[in-house]
């Protein structure tokens, strides 16, 4: 009922990840985005310095029908605070299941 979609550096280059995201959106599956610790995305000069995928990258790499899903707030994964991350993730899943 919920897709946990990890936003890693190269996730948008994965054909299968994009297919799974589109399938979830098409079928009304709730999507929880998790920012992988240390992940960086390129700025317009190609330097991997951004902490979240910029809009131009999303529009270039993510199929149009799945793009609105990325407007939801992502949860940040942090190895040092794994218990807090896990609690936040489970709360987010529970909240989406209630909707």
N, C-alpha and C. Protein backbone atom coordinates (compact mmCIF):
# COMPACT_ATOMS: atom_id res chain seq x y z
N UNK A 1 0.80 -1.20 0.00
CA UNK A 1 0.00 0.00 0.00
C UNK A 1 0.84 1.26 0.00
N UNK A 2 2.12 1.13 0.35
CA UNK A 2 3.01 2.28 0.38
C UNK A 2 4.33 1.90 -0.28
N UNK A 3 4.82 2.77 -1.16
CA UNK A 3 6.13 2.59 -1.78
C UNK A 3 7.12 3.48 -1.05
N UNK A 4 8.18 2.87 -0.54
CA UNK A 4 9.27 3.65 0.04
C UNK A 4 10.29 3.84 -1.08
N UNK A 5 10.45 5.08 -1.51
CA UNK A 5 11.29 5.40 -2.66
C UNK A 5 12.52 6.16 -2.17
N UNK A 6 13.67 5.53 -2.26
CA UNK A 6 14.91 6.12 -1.76
C UNK A 6 15.52 7.03 -2.82
N UNK A 7 15.70 8.28 -2.46
CA UNK A 7 16.30 9.26 -3.36
C UNK A 7 17.82 9.21 -3.20
N UNK A 8 18.45 8.40 -4.03
CA UNK A 8 19.90 8.30 -4.05
C UNK A 8 20.42 9.09 -5.25
N UNK A 9 21.71 9.25 -5.31
CA UNK A 9 22.33 10.06 -6.36
C UNK A 9 21.88 9.70 -7.78
N UNK A 10 21.76 8.41 -8.05
CA UNK A 10 21.49 7.97 -9.42
C UNK A 10 20.12 7.33 -9.61
N UNK A 11 19.22 7.51 -8.67
CA UNK A 11 17.93 6.84 -8.76
C UNK A 11 17.16 7.22 -10.03
N UNK A 12 17.32 8.45 -10.49
CA UNK A 12 16.57 8.88 -11.68
C UNK A 12 17.13 8.29 -12.96
N UNK A 13 18.31 7.69 -12.88
CA UNK A 13 18.89 7.03 -14.05
C UNK A 13 18.49 5.56 -14.13
N UNK A 14 17.80 5.08 -13.11
CA UNK A 14 17.37 3.68 -13.08
C UNK A 14 16.01 3.52 -13.76
N UNK A 15 16.01 2.81 -14.87
CA UNK A 15 14.75 2.57 -15.60
C UNK A 15 13.73 1.88 -14.70
N UNK A 16 14.19 0.90 -13.91
CA UNK A 16 13.26 0.15 -13.07
C UNK A 16 12.71 0.99 -11.92
N UNK A 17 13.53 1.84 -11.35
CA UNK A 17 13.02 2.72 -10.28
C UNK A 17 11.96 3.66 -10.83
N UNK A 18 12.18 4.19 -12.02
CA UNK A 18 11.19 5.09 -12.63
C UNK A 18 9.91 4.34 -12.95
N UNK A 19 10.04 3.10 -13.42
CA UNK A 19 8.84 2.29 -13.71
C UNK A 19 8.05 2.01 -12.43
N UNK A 20 8.75 1.71 -11.35
CA UNK A 20 8.06 1.45 -10.08
C UNK A 20 7.37 2.70 -9.56
N UNK A 21 8.02 3.85 -9.69
CA UNK A 21 7.41 5.10 -9.24
C UNK A 21 6.16 5.40 -10.06
N UNK A 22 6.25 5.28 -11.36
CA UNK A 22 5.09 5.53 -12.23
C UNK A 22 3.96 4.56 -11.90
N UNK A 23 4.29 3.27 -11.72
CA UNK A 23 3.26 2.28 -11.41
C UNK A 23 2.56 2.62 -10.09
N UNK A 24 3.32 3.06 -9.11
CA UNK A 24 2.72 3.44 -7.82
C UNK A 24 1.76 4.61 -8.01
N UNK A 25 2.20 5.63 -8.72
CA UNK A 25 1.36 6.81 -8.93
C UNK A 25 0.10 6.43 -9.70
N UNK A 26 0.24 5.65 -10.76
CA UNK A 26 -0.91 5.22 -11.57
C UNK A 26 -1.94 4.44 -10.75
N UNK A 27 -1.45 3.67 -9.80
CA UNK A 27 -2.34 2.80 -9.04
C UNK A 27 -2.74 3.37 -7.68
N UNK A 28 -2.43 4.64 -7.46
CA UNK A 28 -2.85 5.30 -6.23
C UNK A 28 -2.12 4.82 -4.99
N UNK A 29 -0.94 4.26 -5.17
CA UNK A 29 -0.14 3.81 -4.03
C UNK A 29 0.54 5.04 -3.42
N UNK A 30 0.47 5.14 -2.12
CA UNK A 30 1.14 6.25 -1.43
C UNK A 30 2.65 6.08 -1.58
N UNK A 31 3.34 7.20 -1.76
CA UNK A 31 4.80 7.16 -1.91
C UNK A 31 5.43 7.98 -0.78
N UNK A 32 6.37 7.36 -0.09
CA UNK A 32 7.16 8.04 0.93
C UNK A 32 8.58 8.14 0.36
N UNK A 33 9.08 9.35 0.25
CA UNK A 33 10.43 9.58 -0.27
C UNK A 33 11.41 9.67 0.88
N UNK A 34 12.53 8.97 0.73
CA UNK A 34 13.58 8.97 1.74
C UNK A 34 14.85 9.48 1.07
N UNK A 35 15.39 10.57 1.61
CA UNK A 35 16.65 11.11 1.12
C UNK A 35 17.79 10.29 1.69
N UNK A 36 18.54 9.63 0.83
CA UNK A 36 19.68 8.83 1.28
C UNK A 36 20.77 9.75 1.82
N UNK A 37 21.27 9.39 2.97
CA UNK A 37 22.33 10.17 3.59
C UNK A 37 23.51 10.32 2.63
N UNK A 38 23.97 11.53 2.45
CA UNK A 38 25.13 11.79 1.59
C UNK A 38 24.82 11.97 0.13
N UNK A 39 23.58 11.76 -0.28
CA UNK A 39 23.23 11.90 -1.69
C UNK A 39 23.32 13.37 -2.10
N UNK A 40 23.82 13.60 -3.28
CA UNK A 40 23.95 14.95 -3.83
C UNK A 40 23.52 14.91 -5.29
N UNK A 41 22.91 16.00 -5.73
CA UNK A 41 22.47 16.12 -7.11
C UNK A 41 23.17 17.29 -7.77
N UNK A 42 23.29 17.21 -9.09
CA UNK A 42 24.06 18.26 -9.80
C UNK A 42 23.32 19.58 -9.88
N UNK A 43 24.11 20.65 -9.83
CA UNK A 43 23.56 21.96 -10.15
C UNK A 43 23.65 22.09 -11.67
N UNK A 44 23.29 23.24 -12.19
CA UNK A 44 23.28 23.41 -13.66
C UNK A 44 24.68 23.34 -14.27
N UNK A 45 25.72 23.48 -13.46
CA UNK A 45 27.09 23.37 -13.95
C UNK A 45 27.60 21.93 -13.85
N UNK A 46 26.77 21.03 -13.34
CA UNK A 46 27.15 19.63 -13.24
C UNK A 46 27.87 19.26 -11.95
N UNK A 47 27.99 20.20 -11.03
CA UNK A 47 28.64 19.94 -9.75
C UNK A 47 27.62 19.30 -8.79
N UNK A 48 27.95 18.15 -8.23
CA UNK A 48 27.05 17.46 -7.31
C UNK A 48 27.13 18.11 -5.93
N UNK A 49 26.36 19.18 -5.76
CA UNK A 49 26.38 19.95 -4.51
C UNK A 49 24.99 20.16 -3.91
N UNK A 50 23.93 19.77 -4.60
CA UNK A 50 22.57 20.03 -4.13
C UNK A 50 22.08 18.90 -3.23
N UNK A 51 21.38 19.27 -2.16
CA UNK A 51 20.87 18.30 -1.20
C UNK A 51 19.54 17.69 -1.59
N UNK A 52 18.91 18.21 -2.62
CA UNK A 52 17.64 17.67 -3.11
C UNK A 52 17.62 17.83 -4.62
N UNK A 53 17.01 16.88 -5.33
CA UNK A 53 16.98 16.98 -6.79
C UNK A 53 16.32 18.29 -7.23
N UNK A 54 16.99 19.07 -8.07
CA UNK A 54 16.42 20.34 -8.51
C UNK A 54 15.27 20.11 -9.50
N UNK A 55 14.36 21.07 -9.60
CA UNK A 55 13.21 20.92 -10.50
C UNK A 55 13.58 20.58 -11.94
N UNK A 56 14.66 21.19 -12.46
CA UNK A 56 15.02 20.92 -13.85
C UNK A 56 15.46 19.47 -14.04
N UNK A 57 16.07 18.87 -13.02
CA UNK A 57 16.49 17.47 -13.11
C UNK A 57 15.27 16.55 -13.03
N UNK A 58 14.36 16.88 -12.13
CA UNK A 58 13.14 16.10 -12.01
C UNK A 58 12.36 16.12 -13.31
N UNK A 59 12.20 17.30 -13.90
CA UNK A 59 11.42 17.37 -15.15
C UNK A 59 12.13 16.68 -16.31
N UNK A 60 13.46 16.60 -16.25
CA UNK A 60 14.20 15.95 -17.33
C UNK A 60 14.25 14.42 -17.17
N UNK A 61 14.22 13.93 -15.94
CA UNK A 61 14.46 12.49 -15.69
C UNK A 61 13.24 11.70 -15.23
N UNK A 62 12.28 12.38 -14.60
CA UNK A 62 11.13 11.68 -14.03
C UNK A 62 9.95 11.80 -15.00
N UNK A 63 9.30 10.67 -15.32
CA UNK A 63 8.13 10.74 -16.20
C UNK A 63 7.10 11.75 -15.67
N UNK A 64 6.49 12.48 -16.58
CA UNK A 64 5.59 13.59 -16.23
C UNK A 64 4.51 13.18 -15.23
N UNK A 65 3.93 12.01 -15.40
CA UNK A 65 2.83 11.63 -14.51
C UNK A 65 3.29 11.35 -13.08
N UNK A 66 4.58 11.11 -12.88
CA UNK A 66 5.09 10.85 -11.54
C UNK A 66 5.68 12.09 -10.88
N UNK A 67 5.89 13.14 -11.63
CA UNK A 67 6.52 14.34 -11.09
C UNK A 67 5.77 14.97 -9.91
N UNK A 68 4.43 15.04 -9.94
CA UNK A 68 3.73 15.65 -8.80
C UNK A 68 3.99 14.92 -7.48
N UNK A 69 4.27 13.64 -7.53
CA UNK A 69 4.54 12.89 -6.30
C UNK A 69 5.76 13.44 -5.58
N UNK A 70 6.71 14.00 -6.33
CA UNK A 70 7.93 14.52 -5.72
C UNK A 70 7.72 15.86 -5.01
N UNK A 71 6.50 16.36 -5.02
CA UNK A 71 6.21 17.59 -4.28
C UNK A 71 6.04 17.31 -2.78
N UNK A 72 5.85 16.04 -2.43
CA UNK A 72 5.70 15.72 -1.01
C UNK A 72 7.05 15.78 -0.32
N UNK A 73 7.01 16.08 0.95
CA UNK A 73 8.24 16.24 1.72
C UNK A 73 8.93 14.89 1.93
N UNK A 74 10.22 14.87 1.73
CA UNK A 74 11.00 13.65 1.92
C UNK A 74 11.49 13.55 3.36
N UNK A 75 11.72 12.33 3.79
CA UNK A 75 12.32 12.05 5.09
C UNK A 75 13.81 11.89 4.86
N UNK A 76 14.62 12.45 5.72
CA UNK A 76 16.07 12.31 5.58
C UNK A 76 16.56 11.11 6.36
N UNK A 77 17.35 10.27 5.68
CA UNK A 77 17.97 9.13 6.34
C UNK A 77 19.31 9.57 6.91
N UNK A 78 19.57 9.21 8.15
CA UNK A 78 20.84 9.55 8.78
C UNK A 78 21.27 8.35 9.61
N UNK A 79 22.40 7.77 9.29
CA UNK A 79 22.88 6.58 10.00
C UNK A 79 23.06 6.83 11.49
N UNK A 80 23.46 8.04 11.86
CA UNK A 80 23.68 8.35 13.27
C UNK A 80 22.39 8.41 14.07
N UNK A 81 21.29 8.68 13.39
CA UNK A 81 19.99 8.81 14.06
C UNK A 81 18.99 7.82 13.48
N UNK A 82 19.42 6.57 13.32
CA UNK A 82 18.59 5.57 12.64
C UNK A 82 17.26 5.35 13.36
N UNK A 83 17.26 5.30 14.68
CA UNK A 83 16.02 5.06 15.42
C UNK A 83 15.00 6.16 15.15
N UNK A 84 15.45 7.41 15.15
CA UNK A 84 14.55 8.53 14.86
C UNK A 84 14.06 8.46 13.42
N UNK A 85 14.95 8.09 12.50
CA UNK A 85 14.57 7.95 11.10
C UNK A 85 13.49 6.87 10.96
N UNK A 86 13.71 5.71 11.57
CA UNK A 86 12.76 4.61 11.46
C UNK A 86 11.41 4.99 12.04
N UNK A 87 11.41 5.69 13.16
CA UNK A 87 10.16 6.14 13.78
C UNK A 87 9.42 7.10 12.85
N UNK A 88 10.13 8.06 12.29
CA UNK A 88 9.53 9.03 11.37
C UNK A 88 8.98 8.32 10.13
N UNK A 89 9.73 7.35 9.61
CA UNK A 89 9.29 6.61 8.44
C UNK A 89 8.00 5.86 8.73
N UNK A 90 7.96 5.15 9.83
CA UNK A 90 6.75 4.40 10.18
C UNK A 90 5.56 5.31 10.44
N UNK A 91 5.79 6.45 11.07
CA UNK A 91 4.70 7.41 11.28
C UNK A 91 4.17 7.93 9.94
N UNK A 92 5.07 8.20 9.01
CA UNK A 92 4.66 8.70 7.70
C UNK A 92 3.84 7.66 6.96
N UNK A 93 4.26 6.40 7.03
CA UNK A 93 3.51 5.32 6.38
C UNK A 93 2.14 5.19 7.01
N UNK A 94 2.07 5.19 8.35
CA UNK A 94 0.78 5.08 9.04
C UNK A 94 -0.14 6.24 8.66
N UNK A 95 0.40 7.45 8.60
CA UNK A 95 -0.41 8.63 8.26
C UNK A 95 -0.97 8.51 6.85
N UNK A 96 -0.17 8.02 5.93
CA UNK A 96 -0.64 7.88 4.55
C UNK A 96 -1.66 6.78 4.42
N UNK A 97 -1.53 5.74 5.22
CA UNK A 97 -2.50 4.65 5.17
C UNK A 97 -3.86 5.11 5.66
N UNK A 98 -3.86 6.07 6.59
CA UNK A 98 -5.11 6.60 7.13
C UNK A 98 -5.84 7.51 6.16
N UNK A 99 -5.12 8.07 5.20
CA UNK A 99 -5.73 9.02 4.24
C UNK A 99 -6.59 8.29 3.24
